[in-house]
Amino acid sequence: MSRIIKSHYTETHMQEKKIIQIKKIMNEQNESLFQEESVASDLNRLLMEANQKAEAIVLEAQKQADQVYLKIQEEVKQWDKEKQILIEEARQEGYLIGKEQGASDSKREYQHMLNLAQETMNQAKKEYQSVVEKSEFTILNLGIKVAEKIMNQHLDENEEDYLFIVKKAIKEAREYKNIELHIPPLHYSFVLTHKKELMSLFPRETEFYIYPNDELEGNGCVIESSNGRLVASVDEQLEQIRIKLQEILEEDLS
């Protein structure tokens, strides 16, 4: 979800008392960066797990669809056997009625059976395709919803990770003016205690307000400003995963 931030140390043994305070500040900054790296790593891991879970569900759907197709093929084979029996019965009946008339009737009956068998096979293929499409898309969407639930539960319990999402959104809107940050009431108190830290992300002094918004679903946040509106959430990330997987499915099924 976020590019991992790398920090480099440039301390030397030559610097002594005059830079002790600077070293302390640098250590605090590095500690903050490491914390952000850890949060980013956790969220990246969760998104990868969600992606893998969705792909596994798609593979399972394909397996189920293949099983359905095999069943349809068995039914077609069974019908083919019955068709041969009917054809033979028609031929025998033809010989009893009369060789010429029977042969003509048998030929028509045989052609009728062939047409019926072809129609049955075509219908079986259509049913198979329908089963594949419905099962894969349905189970894909279900898998994404399960992953979404797991990740939202994780963010409910780990507010540092939620704060990382907020920071990422602010960095994308850092050039905006008169910022209003809207967040779910669940995280309001925690985020408010980090307001000073969030304000430090702006390159210049900016009017910055934080509001609880009970209309927000999940663990997203919304930034309103004179420059426009920005929405950031894990749900949005998962939706992007769902869209990409759906595009892959559509290509495979076309």
Foldseek 3Di string as FASTA:
>chain_A
DDDQDDDDDDDDPVDDDVCPVVVVVVVVVVVVSVLLNVLVVVLVVLLVVLLVQLVVLLVVLVVVLVVLLVVLVVVLVVLVVVLVVVLVVLLVVLVVVPVVSSVVRSVVSNVVSVVVSVVSVVVSVVVSLVSSVVSNLVSSVVSLVVSLVVVLVVCLVPVSSLVSQVLVQCLVVLVFAQKEKEWAPSCQVVVVVCVVVSCVSHPDDHNYYYYYDNVDPGGKMWIDGPVGIDITDVSVVSVVSSVVVVVVVVVVSD
